[in-house]
């Protein structure tokens, strides 16, 4: 298992490749779906990350969005999202980043989120804390819902929660929060929660590279999370609440129940 010192080299790798992304021109390759693009940049950046990681850390397994999405969590595994927020990147909106999670024996041990245009490096290590540019940060558990923002991920029409109900949930939650925001990049959404620029984040992203890096950040910063539909947590449930305290968590779950029953 790699410790914090072992992973310092990965932070340097991520920052260097982040500079590559900032200086590169978006080139759209194809539509991955009706609502998503894949760029040549995704492929090139992923290949650069994988090559650098495999040079620095021997005999590791890779799960990545573009080329190795079907691989399983075994032994030491790095889970990579080379450009999270691809559509933003492709449209020259500077809300995107690199996400990487490190798993040992199927447990997430460490994670990085790097926002190149903000020069913000978020790092978490299990039972060691959450850090922004080297300084430990904590989620404010006392902040009330009406004192902050609710962040919503992209909506999906291919998950267990019907899209109309996803919209209704936002409608039912609007009155409880100061504002609602939608940015289209999990990396940015998670960053806002762990630095107290948001109080809650409801996400329908359901791939491990979208969720795992930010989940560990939230956990180590003192936040809480549960699946929308039931108690506990499971990546495959396709609807997760992340928030700063139990009161907000229960309020969002109750709003979901109201949406479903209507």
Protein backbone atom coordinates (compact mmCIF):
# COMPACT_ATOMS: atom_id res chain seq x y z
CA UNK A 1 0.00 0.00 0.00
CA UNK A 2 1.26 3.49 -0.86
CA UNK A 3 1.49 6.02 1.97
CA UNK A 4 1.20 9.82 1.83
CA UNK A 5 4.89 10.30 1.05
CA UNK A 6 4.71 7.75 -1.76
CA UNK A 7 1.92 9.75 -3.40
CA UNK A 8 3.76 13.07 -3.46
CA UNK A 9 5.13 12.16 -6.87
CA UNK A 10 1.59 11.66 -8.16
CA UNK A 11 0.71 15.22 -7.10
CA UNK A 12 3.60 16.52 -9.23
CA UNK A 13 2.45 14.37 -12.17
CA UNK A 14 -1.10 15.71 -11.90
CA UNK A 15 0.01 19.35 -11.74
CA UNK A 16 2.29 18.96 -14.77
CA UNK A 17 -0.44 17.33 -16.82
CA UNK A 18 -2.89 19.98 -15.65
CA UNK A 19 -0.64 22.54 -17.31
CA UNK A 20 -0.82 20.48 -20.51
CA UNK A 21 -4.61 20.64 -20.41
CA UNK A 22 -4.62 24.41 -19.87
CA UNK A 23 -2.41 24.99 -22.90
CA UNK A 24 -4.18 22.53 -25.22
CA UNK A 25 -6.90 23.36 -27.70
CA UNK A 26 -10.07 21.23 -27.41
CA UNK A 27 -10.59 18.82 -30.31
CA UNK A 28 -13.88 16.94 -30.30
CA UNK A 29 -13.56 13.31 -31.37
CA UNK A 30 -17.13 12.02 -31.11
CA UNK A 31 -20.39 11.98 -29.20
CA UNK A 32 -20.17 9.40 -26.41
CA UNK A 33 -23.91 9.85 -26.00
CA UNK A 34 -26.57 12.34 -26.99
CA UNK A 35 -25.52 14.50 -24.01
CA UNK A 36 -21.75 13.93 -23.86
CA UNK A 37 -18.60 14.39 -25.92
CA UNK A 38 -15.26 12.67 -26.07
CA UNK A 39 -12.29 14.78 -27.13
CA UNK A 40 -8.90 13.81 -28.48
CA UNK A 41 -7.59 15.58 -25.40
CA UNK A 42 -9.31 13.05 -23.11
CA UNK A 43 -7.43 10.23 -24.82
CA UNK A 44 -4.06 11.99 -24.89
CA UNK A 45 -4.25 13.20 -21.28
CA UNK A 46 -5.38 9.79 -20.03
CA UNK A 47 -2.49 8.09 -21.85
CA UNK A 48 -0.03 10.59 -20.34
CA UNK A 49 -1.40 10.03 -16.84
CA UNK A 50 -1.32 6.25 -17.14
CA UNK A 51 2.22 6.21 -18.53
CA UNK A 52 3.48 8.52 -15.76
CA UNK A 53 1.68 6.56 -13.01
CA UNK A 54 2.97 3.22 -14.24
CA UNK A 55 6.51 4.60 -14.40
CA UNK A 56 6.27 5.93 -10.85
CA UNK A 57 4.33 3.05 -9.26
CA UNK A 58 5.15 -0.47 -10.40
CA UNK A 59 2.66 -3.30 -10.91
CA UNK A 60 -0.47 -1.20 -10.41
CA UNK A 61 -3.89 -1.72 -11.92
CA UNK A 62 -5.69 1.04 -13.83
CA UNK A 63 -9.38 1.88 -14.17
CA UNK A 64 -9.95 4.87 -16.44
CA UNK A 65 -12.87 6.48 -18.19
CA UNK A 66 -11.67 6.34 -21.78
CA UNK A 67 -9.72 3.10 -22.26
CA UNK A 68 -9.89 0.89 -19.18
CA UNK A 69 -13.42 1.40 -17.90
CA UNK A 70 -14.16 -2.33 -17.59
CA UNK A 71 -11.22 -3.16 -15.33
CA UNK A 72 -11.96 -4.22 -11.75
CA UNK A 73 -10.65 -3.08 -8.39
CA UNK A 74 -7.78 -5.41 -7.50
CA UNK A 75 -4.69 -4.99 -5.31
CA UNK A 76 -3.37 -1.44 -5.89
CA UNK A 77 -5.63 0.37 -8.37
CA UNK A 78 -5.62 3.93 -9.64
CA UNK A 79 -9.01 5.18 -10.86
CA UNK A 80 -8.59 8.01 -13.37
CA UNK A 81 -10.84 10.64 -14.91
CA UNK A 82 -8.41 12.56 -17.14
CA UNK A 83 -10.70 15.52 -17.87
CA UNK A 84 -13.75 15.64 -15.66
CA UNK A 85 -16.14 18.16 -17.19
CA UNK A 86 -15.27 17.38 -20.81
CA UNK A 87 -18.19 19.32 -22.29
CA UNK A 88 -17.16 22.41 -20.32
CA UNK A 89 -13.58 21.98 -21.52
CA UNK A 90 -14.68 21.48 -25.13
CA UNK A 91 -16.77 24.67 -25.00
CA UNK A 92 -13.94 26.70 -23.40
CA UNK A 93 -15.63 26.90 -20.00
CA UNK A 94 -12.90 26.70 -17.37
CA UNK A 95 -14.82 24.40 -15.02
CA UNK A 96 -13.07 21.05 -15.36
CA UNK A 97 -10.31 19.09 -13.69
CA UNK A 98 -8.36 15.89 -13.16
CA UNK A 99 -9.71 13.29 -10.74
CA UNK A 100 -7.73 10.31 -9.43
CA UNK A 101 -8.50 7.87 -6.62
CA UNK A 102 -6.13 5.26 -5.24
CA UNK A 103 -7.61 1.97 -4.00
CA UNK A 104 -5.89 -0.76 -2.02
CA UNK A 105 -7.79 -4.04 -1.84
CA UNK A 106 -11.04 -2.32 -2.94
CA UNK A 107 -10.81 0.40 -0.28
CA UNK A 108 -10.28 3.99 -1.37
CA UNK A 109 -7.13 5.14 0.43
CA UNK A 110 -6.34 8.44 -1.25
CA UNK A 111 -7.71 10.84 -3.82
CA UNK A 112 -6.76 13.93 -5.79
CA UNK A 113 -8.87 16.56 -7.51
CA UNK A 114 -6.96 19.23 -9.43
CA UNK A 115 -8.61 22.31 -10.92
CA UNK A 116 -5.96 23.68 -13.32
CA UNK A 117 -7.47 27.11 -13.97
CA UNK A 118 -7.87 27.77 -10.24
CA UNK A 119 -4.56 26.14 -9.28
CA UNK A 120 -6.41 24.22 -6.56
CA UNK A 121 -5.10 20.80 -5.56
CA UNK A 122 -7.44 18.84 -3.28
CA UNK A 123 -6.00 15.76 -1.60
CA UNK A 124 -7.42 13.30 0.91
CA UNK A 125 -5.88 10.29 2.61
CA UNK A 126 -7.98 7.86 4.61
CA UNK A 127 -8.03 8.75 8.31
CA UNK A 128 -5.49 11.55 7.70
CA UNK A 129 -7.71 14.41 6.51
CA UNK A 130 -8.61 16.53 3.51
CA UNK A 131 -6.26 19.22 2.20
CA UNK A 132 -6.42 22.16 -0.21
CA UNK A 133 -3.00 23.18 -1.51
CA UNK A 134 -1.40 21.53 1.52
CA UNK A 135 -3.64 23.10 4.18
CA UNK A 136 -6.11 20.88 6.01
CA UNK A 137 -9.74 21.90 5.51
CA UNK A 138 -12.95 20.97 7.30
CA UNK A 139 -16.61 21.11 6.36
CA UNK A 140 -18.65 23.49 8.51
CA UNK A 141 -21.27 21.24 10.10
CA UNK A 142 -23.10 24.13 11.76
CA UNK A 143 -23.97 25.91 8.52
CA UNK A 144 -27.72 25.84 7.85
CA UNK A 145 -29.20 25.01 4.46
CA UNK A 146 -30.54 28.54 3.89
CA UNK A 147 -27.06 29.94 4.46
CA UNK A 148 -25.56 28.22 1.44
CA UNK A 149 -25.89 26.68 -2.00
CA UNK A 150 -27.32 23.40 -3.22
CA UNK A 151 -25.27 21.92 -6.08
CA UNK A 152 -26.93 19.60 -8.60
CA UNK A 153 -25.07 17.33 -11.03
CA UNK A 154 -26.07 16.67 -14.61
CA UNK A 155 -29.45 15.01 -15.00
CA UNK A 156 -29.73 11.52 -16.53
CA UNK A 157 -32.54 9.81 -18.40
CA UNK A 158 -31.07 6.29 -18.08
CA UNK A 159 -31.04 5.78 -14.31
CA UNK A 160 -33.49 4.39 -11.76
CA UNK A 161 -34.80 7.83 -10.77
CA UNK A 162 -36.95 9.23 -13.62
CA UNK A 163 -35.69 12.54 -15.01
CA UNK A 164 -38.98 14.27 -14.19
CA UNK A 165 -38.49 13.29 -10.54
CA UNK A 166 -34.94 14.65 -10.64
CA UNK A 167 -36.41 18.02 -11.67
CA UNK A 168 -39.14 17.81 -9.03
CA UNK A 169 -36.57 17.19 -6.33
CA UNK A 170 -34.82 20.46 -7.20
CA UNK A 171 -38.18 22.24 -7.17
CA UNK A 172 -38.94 20.86 -3.71
CA UNK A 173 -35.49 21.82 -2.39
CA UNK A 174 -35.24 25.36 -3.79
CA UNK A 175 -37.01 26.95 -0.82
CA UNK A 176 -34.59 25.39 1.66
CA UNK A 177 -31.36 26.77 0.17
CA UNK A 178 -29.98 30.21 -0.56
CA UNK A 179 -29.38 29.33 -4.22
CA UNK A 180 -29.16 26.31 -6.52
CA UNK A 181 -26.23 25.83 -8.89
CA UNK A 182 -25.39 23.45 -11.74
CA UNK A 183 -21.81 23.31 -13.07
CA UNK A 184 -21.50 20.06 -15.05
CA UNK A 185 -18.28 18.79 -13.44
CA UNK A 186 -18.11 16.55 -10.37
CA UNK A 187 -14.60 17.76 -9.56
CA UNK A 188 -15.82 21.34 -9.19
CA UNK A 189 -18.99 20.34 -7.35
CA UNK A 190 -17.05 18.39 -4.73
CA UNK A 191 -14.53 21.21 -4.32
CA UNK A 192 -17.30 23.67 -3.45
CA UNK A 193 -18.68 21.39 -0.76
CA UNK A 194 -15.39 20.65 1.01
CA UNK A 195 -14.36 24.33 1.11
CA UNK A 196 -17.81 25.43 2.41
CA UNK A 197 -18.93 27.26 -0.73
CA UNK A 198 -21.90 24.88 -0.81
CA UNK A 199 -23.91 23.05 1.85
CA UNK A 200 -25.14 20.09 -0.18
CA UNK A 201 -24.51 18.25 -3.42
CA UNK A 202 -26.99 15.91 -5.09
CA UNK A 203 -25.37 13.88 -7.85
CA UNK A 204 -26.66 11.41 -10.40
CA UNK A 205 -23.18 10.59 -11.69
CA UNK A 206 -22.74 6.84 -11.37
CA UNK A 207 -19.24 5.94 -12.52
CA UNK A 208 -16.51 5.22 -10.01
CA UNK A 209 -14.16 7.80 -11.56
CA UNK A 210 -16.82 10.49 -11.11
CA UNK A 211 -17.61 9.68 -7.48
CA UNK A 212 -14.69 8.04 -5.66
CA UNK A 213 -12.21 10.96 -5.63
CA UNK A 214 -14.71 13.47 -4.27
CA UNK A 215 -16.33 11.02 -1.89
CA UNK A 216 -13.09 10.56 0.05
CA UNK A 217 -12.56 14.34 0.13
CA UNK A 218 -16.01 14.81 1.68
CA UNK A 219 -15.52 11.98 4.14
CA UNK A 220 -12.13 13.21 5.32
CA UNK A 221 -13.34 16.83 5.55
CA UNK A 222 -16.12 15.74 7.91
CA UNK A 223 -19.11 15.61 5.57
CA UNK A 224 -21.65 12.83 5.23
CA UNK A 225 -23.32 11.02 2.34
CA UNK A 226 -26.02 8.48 1.55
CA UNK A 227 -27.86 7.12 -1.44
CA UNK A 228 -31.02 9.08 -2.20
CA UNK A 229 -33.30 6.08 -2.35
CA UNK A 230 -32.21 4.21 0.75
CA UNK A 231 -29.94 4.30 3.77
CA UNK A 232 -26.29 3.46 3.35
CA UNK A 233 -24.14 3.76 0.24
CA UNK A 234 -23.63 1.89 -3.01
CA UNK A 235 -22.00 3.31 -6.16
CA UNK A 236 -24.53 1.58 -8.40
CA UNK A 237 -27.58 3.28 -6.86
CA UNK A 238 -27.23 6.28 -9.22
CA UNK A 239 -28.27 9.02 -6.87
CA UNK A 240 -26.17 10.23 -3.92
CA UNK A 241 -26.54 13.07 -1.40
CA UNK A 242 -23.41 14.71 0.00
CA UNK A 243 -23.89 17.33 2.68
CA UNK A 244 -22.46 19.03 5.75
CA UNK A 245 -24.76 17.64 8.43
CA UNK A 246 -27.46 15.10 9.28
CA UNK A 247 -30.23 17.70 9.33
CA UNK A 248 -29.65 18.66 5.69
CA UNK A 249 -29.30 15.02 4.70
CA UNK A 250 -32.69 14.11 6.16
CA UNK A 251 -34.32 17.20 4.67
CA UNK A 252 -33.12 16.23 1.17
CA UNK A 253 -34.23 12.63 1.60
CA UNK A 254 -37.67 13.77 2.71
CA UNK A 255 -37.89 16.08 -0.32
CA UNK A 256 -37.04 13.12 -2.52
CA UNK A 257 -39.84 11.06 -0.96
CA UNK A 258 -42.24 13.92 -1.63
CA UNK A 259 -41.09 14.09 -5.26
CA UNK A 260 -41.59 10.36 -5.79
CA UNK A 261 -45.02 10.31 -4.14
CA UNK A 262 -46.39 13.24 -6.15
